[in-house]
N, C-alpha and C. Protein backbone atom coordinates (compact mmCIF):
# COMPACT_ATOMS: atom_id res chain seq x y z
N MET A 1 7.61 58.69 28.20
CA MET A 1 6.39 57.95 29.09
C MET A 1 6.04 57.08 28.12
N GLY A 2 5.53 55.73 28.07
CA GLY A 2 4.62 55.43 27.18
C GLY A 2 3.08 55.82 27.44
N PHE A 3 2.39 55.04 26.65
CA PHE A 3 0.92 55.75 26.48
C PHE A 3 0.20 54.96 27.59
N ALA A 4 0.79 53.55 28.01
CA ALA A 4 -0.57 52.96 29.02
C ALA A 4 -0.17 53.99 30.35
N ALA A 5 1.54 54.27 30.71
CA ALA A 5 1.83 55.41 31.70
C ALA A 5 1.27 56.20 32.01
N ALA A 6 1.00 56.96 30.48
CA ALA A 6 0.39 58.49 30.39
C ALA A 6 -1.67 58.14 31.07
N MET A 7 -1.73 57.57 30.30
CA MET A 7 -2.97 57.11 30.69
C MET A 7 -3.50 57.05 32.40
N ALA A 8 -2.46 56.19 32.91
CA ALA A 8 -2.32 55.65 34.76
C ALA A 8 -2.62 56.94 34.85
N SER A 9 -1.23 57.74 34.88
CA SER A 9 -1.06 59.42 35.12
C SER A 9 -2.40 59.95 34.77
N MET A 10 -2.71 60.32 33.67
CA MET A 10 -3.82 60.90 33.76
C MET A 10 -4.89 61.01 35.25
N PHE A 11 -5.69 59.58 34.92
CA PHE A 11 -6.25 58.77 36.08
C PHE A 11 -6.05 58.73 37.07
N ALA A 12 -5.03 58.54 37.64
CA ALA A 12 -4.51 58.91 38.82
C ALA A 12 -4.85 60.29 39.95
N ASN A 13 -4.49 61.05 38.62
CA ASN A 13 -4.59 62.76 38.91
C ASN A 13 -6.08 63.38 39.95
N PRO A 14 -6.17 63.84 40.78
CA PRO A 14 -7.25 64.20 41.11
C PRO A 14 -7.96 65.21 40.70
N MET A 15 -6.81 65.99 39.93
CA MET A 15 -7.59 67.48 38.91
C MET A 15 -8.20 66.79 37.89
N MET A 16 -7.81 66.30 37.24
CA MET A 16 -8.47 65.66 36.05
C MET A 16 -9.83 64.18 36.15
N SER A 17 -9.34 63.23 37.68
CA SER A 17 -10.28 62.09 37.87
C SER A 17 -10.73 62.51 38.94
N ALA A 18 -12.03 61.39 39.25
CA ALA A 18 -12.87 61.34 40.38
C ALA A 18 -13.06 60.46 40.56
N ALA A 19 -12.83 59.98 42.15
CA ALA A 19 -13.14 58.70 42.38
C ALA A 19 -14.86 57.85 42.53
N ALA A 20 -14.97 56.81 42.26
CA ALA A 20 -15.80 56.03 41.75
C ALA A 20 -15.87 54.50 42.15
N THR A 21 -16.87 53.85 42.18
CA THR A 21 -16.85 52.46 42.82
C THR A 21 -17.71 51.97 41.48
N TYR A 22 -17.03 50.84 40.79
CA TYR A 22 -17.60 50.12 40.11
C TYR A 22 -18.33 48.35 40.62
N THR A 23 -19.79 48.31 39.77
CA THR A 23 -20.08 46.93 40.19
C THR A 23 -20.64 46.50 39.58
N PRO A 24 -20.16 45.22 39.10
CA PRO A 24 -20.73 44.62 38.30
C PRO A 24 -21.73 44.20 38.52
N GLU A 25 -23.12 44.06 37.26
CA GLU A 25 -24.43 43.12 37.02
C GLU A 25 -24.61 42.16 37.68
N GLY A 26 -25.30 41.88 38.52
CA GLY A 26 -25.63 40.68 39.26
C GLY A 26 -25.51 41.01 40.56
N GLY A 27 -24.82 42.37 40.83
CA GLY A 27 -24.49 42.73 42.52
C GLY A 27 -22.81 42.07 43.10
N GLY A 28 -21.95 41.77 42.07
CA GLY A 28 -20.58 41.03 42.30
C GLY A 28 -20.49 41.95 43.42
N ALA A 29 -18.45 41.66 43.53
CA ALA A 29 -17.95 42.44 44.34
C ALA A 29 -17.37 44.28 43.59
N ALA A 30 -17.88 45.17 44.56
CA ALA A 30 -17.92 46.29 44.01
C ALA A 30 -16.27 47.00 44.01
N LYS A 31 -15.74 47.28 43.65
CA LYS A 31 -14.47 48.02 44.00
C LYS A 31 -14.44 49.30 43.34
N PRO A 32 -13.05 49.76 43.85
CA PRO A 32 -12.96 51.41 43.74
C PRO A 32 -12.08 51.62 42.69
N ILE A 33 -12.50 52.57 41.71
CA ILE A 33 -11.75 52.87 40.60
C ILE A 33 -11.94 54.47 40.40
N ARG A 34 -10.93 54.96 39.25
CA ARG A 34 -10.70 56.53 38.60
C ARG A 34 -11.94 56.53 37.60
N VAL A 35 -12.08 57.56 36.95
CA VAL A 35 -12.65 57.97 36.32
C VAL A 35 -13.20 59.21 35.58
N ILE A 36 -13.12 59.40 34.47
CA ILE A 36 -13.09 61.51 34.28
C ILE A 36 -14.70 61.48 33.77
N VAL A 37 -15.09 62.12 34.60
CA VAL A 37 -16.61 62.54 34.12
C VAL A 37 -16.99 63.32 32.93
N ARG A 38 -17.50 63.77 32.23
CA ARG A 38 -17.75 64.33 31.25
C ARG A 38 -19.24 64.96 30.98
N SER A 39 -19.32 65.76 30.54
CA SER A 39 -21.26 66.03 30.53
C SER A 39 -21.25 67.22 29.50
N PRO A 40 -20.94 66.78 27.87
CA PRO A 40 -21.36 66.96 26.65
C PRO A 40 -22.64 68.13 26.87
N ASP A 41 -23.53 68.35 26.15
CA ASP A 41 -24.76 68.64 25.92
C ASP A 41 -24.58 68.04 24.56
N VAL A 42 -25.98 68.09 24.10
CA VAL A 42 -25.94 67.64 22.67
C VAL A 42 -27.05 67.89 22.15
N VAL A 43 -27.00 68.60 20.45
CA VAL A 43 -27.72 69.68 20.35
C VAL A 43 -28.53 68.33 18.90
N THR A 44 -29.71 68.06 19.14
CA THR A 44 -30.49 67.84 17.98
C THR A 44 -31.66 68.18 17.03
N GLY A 45 -31.56 68.38 16.46
CA GLY A 45 -32.86 68.59 15.14
C GLY A 45 -34.03 68.19 14.84
N TYR A 46 -34.81 68.93 15.03
CA TYR A 46 -36.17 67.76 13.85
C TYR A 46 -36.84 69.13 13.38
N ALA A 47 -37.02 68.90 12.07
CA ALA A 47 -38.18 70.20 10.86
C ALA A 47 -36.90 71.75 11.37
N GLU A 48 -37.78 72.58 12.24
CA GLU A 48 -37.08 73.74 12.57
C GLU A 48 -36.22 74.22 13.79
N ALA A 49 -37.11 73.00 14.79
CA ALA A 49 -36.88 73.23 16.18
C ALA A 49 -35.19 72.15 16.10
N ARG A 50 -34.71 73.30 17.55
CA ARG A 50 -33.32 72.20 17.85
C ARG A 50 -33.46 72.07 19.24
N PHE A 51 -33.48 70.60 20.11
CA PHE A 51 -33.47 70.80 21.04
C PHE A 51 -32.06 69.98 21.70
N VAL A 52 -31.77 70.57 23.05
CA VAL A 52 -30.54 70.38 24.09
C VAL A 52 -30.92 68.97 24.81
N THR A 53 -29.73 68.31 25.09
CA THR A 53 -30.14 67.27 25.81
C THR A 53 -28.73 66.99 26.57
N GLY A 54 -28.74 67.52 27.92
CA GLY A 54 -28.02 66.82 28.78
C GLY A 54 -27.39 65.41 28.71
N THR A 55 -26.16 65.26 28.79
CA THR A 55 -25.20 63.73 28.87
C THR A 55 -24.39 63.43 29.74
N ALA A 56 -24.27 62.60 29.88
CA ALA A 56 -23.13 61.72 30.74
C ALA A 56 -22.71 60.58 30.16
N VAL A 57 -20.76 61.67 30.21
CA VAL A 57 -19.68 60.72 29.15
C VAL A 57 -19.09 60.18 30.83
N ILE A 58 -18.59 59.12 30.13
CA ILE A 58 -17.66 58.78 31.70
C ILE A 58 -16.48 58.40 31.16
N ASP A 59 -15.19 58.38 31.10
CA ASP A 59 -14.32 57.39 30.85
C ASP A 59 -13.32 56.50 31.80
N LEU A 60 -13.16 55.48 31.32
CA LEU A 60 -12.64 54.74 33.09
C LEU A 60 -11.49 53.79 31.81
N LEU A 61 -10.03 53.22 32.93
CA LEU A 61 -9.73 52.29 32.25
C LEU A 61 -10.00 51.41 31.89
N VAL A 62 -10.35 50.82 31.30
CA VAL A 62 -10.81 49.17 31.19
C VAL A 62 -9.88 48.13 31.93
N SER A 63 -8.90 48.29 31.91
CA SER A 63 -7.94 47.12 32.34
C SER A 63 -8.10 47.53 34.27
N ALA A 64 -8.72 48.61 34.52
CA ALA A 64 -9.51 48.11 36.32
C ALA A 64 -10.58 47.66 36.65
N VAL A 65 -11.68 47.94 35.46
CA VAL A 65 -12.65 46.49 35.90
C VAL A 65 -12.88 45.70 35.47
N GLY A 66 -12.02 45.50 33.76
CA GLY A 66 -12.01 43.72 33.67
C GLY A 66 -12.81 43.57 32.38
N ASP A 67 -13.78 42.92 32.60
CA ASP A 67 -14.38 42.35 32.22
C ASP A 67 -16.02 43.41 31.90
N LEU A 68 -16.22 44.39 30.97
CA LEU A 68 -17.06 45.45 31.55
C LEU A 68 -18.42 45.11 30.83
N ARG A 69 -19.73 45.09 31.48
CA ARG A 69 -20.86 44.71 30.39
C ARG A 69 -22.05 45.27 30.41
N GLU A 70 -23.23 45.52 29.23
CA GLU A 70 -24.41 46.15 29.94
C GLU A 70 -24.77 45.95 30.97
N GLY A 71 -25.10 46.74 31.81
CA GLY A 71 -25.82 46.89 33.44
C GLY A 71 -25.09 46.53 34.66
N ASP A 72 -23.79 46.89 34.13
CA ASP A 72 -22.77 47.04 35.47
C ASP A 72 -22.89 48.39 35.73
N GLN A 73 -22.83 48.87 36.66
CA GLN A 73 -22.89 50.45 37.66
C GLN A 73 -22.20 50.77 38.18
N ILE A 74 -21.89 52.63 37.65
CA ILE A 74 -20.80 53.45 38.18
C ILE A 74 -21.63 54.48 38.94
N ALA A 75 -20.80 54.26 40.26
CA ALA A 75 -21.31 55.77 40.94
C ALA A 75 -20.07 56.54 41.76
N VAL A 76 -20.80 57.35 40.91
CA VAL A 76 -19.84 58.88 41.29
C VAL A 76 -20.35 59.71 42.41
N GLY A 77 -19.67 59.53 43.70
CA GLY A 77 -20.71 60.60 44.73
C GLY A 77 -21.67 59.74 44.51
N ALA A 78 -23.02 60.80 44.86
CA ALA A 78 -24.67 59.95 45.57
C ALA A 78 -24.99 60.01 43.90
N ILE A 79 -24.49 59.68 42.86
CA ILE A 79 -24.71 59.60 41.47
C ILE A 79 -24.78 57.98 40.82
N THR A 80 -25.58 57.33 40.11
CA THR A 80 -25.34 56.08 40.15
C THR A 80 -25.56 55.68 38.20
N TYR A 81 -24.84 55.72 37.98
CA TYR A 81 -24.46 55.23 36.43
C TYR A 81 -25.01 53.98 36.11
């Protein structure tokens, strides 16, 4: 199995990925895609304090969306990023 086939298999697996909707900036046609959503906390320090910030990281196959740009939206369930 080649790399591209392995990635496609991983994103097709419902145990590893979630259904999402990709909408280009400017209101273009929305299209269904599969994504892997991760929520790692980021710990930053300032002086003697440490701050924990929640983040969201979304992995997707660029081949599924084409020309990904700033301002595009990805909706996973009721949450839009």
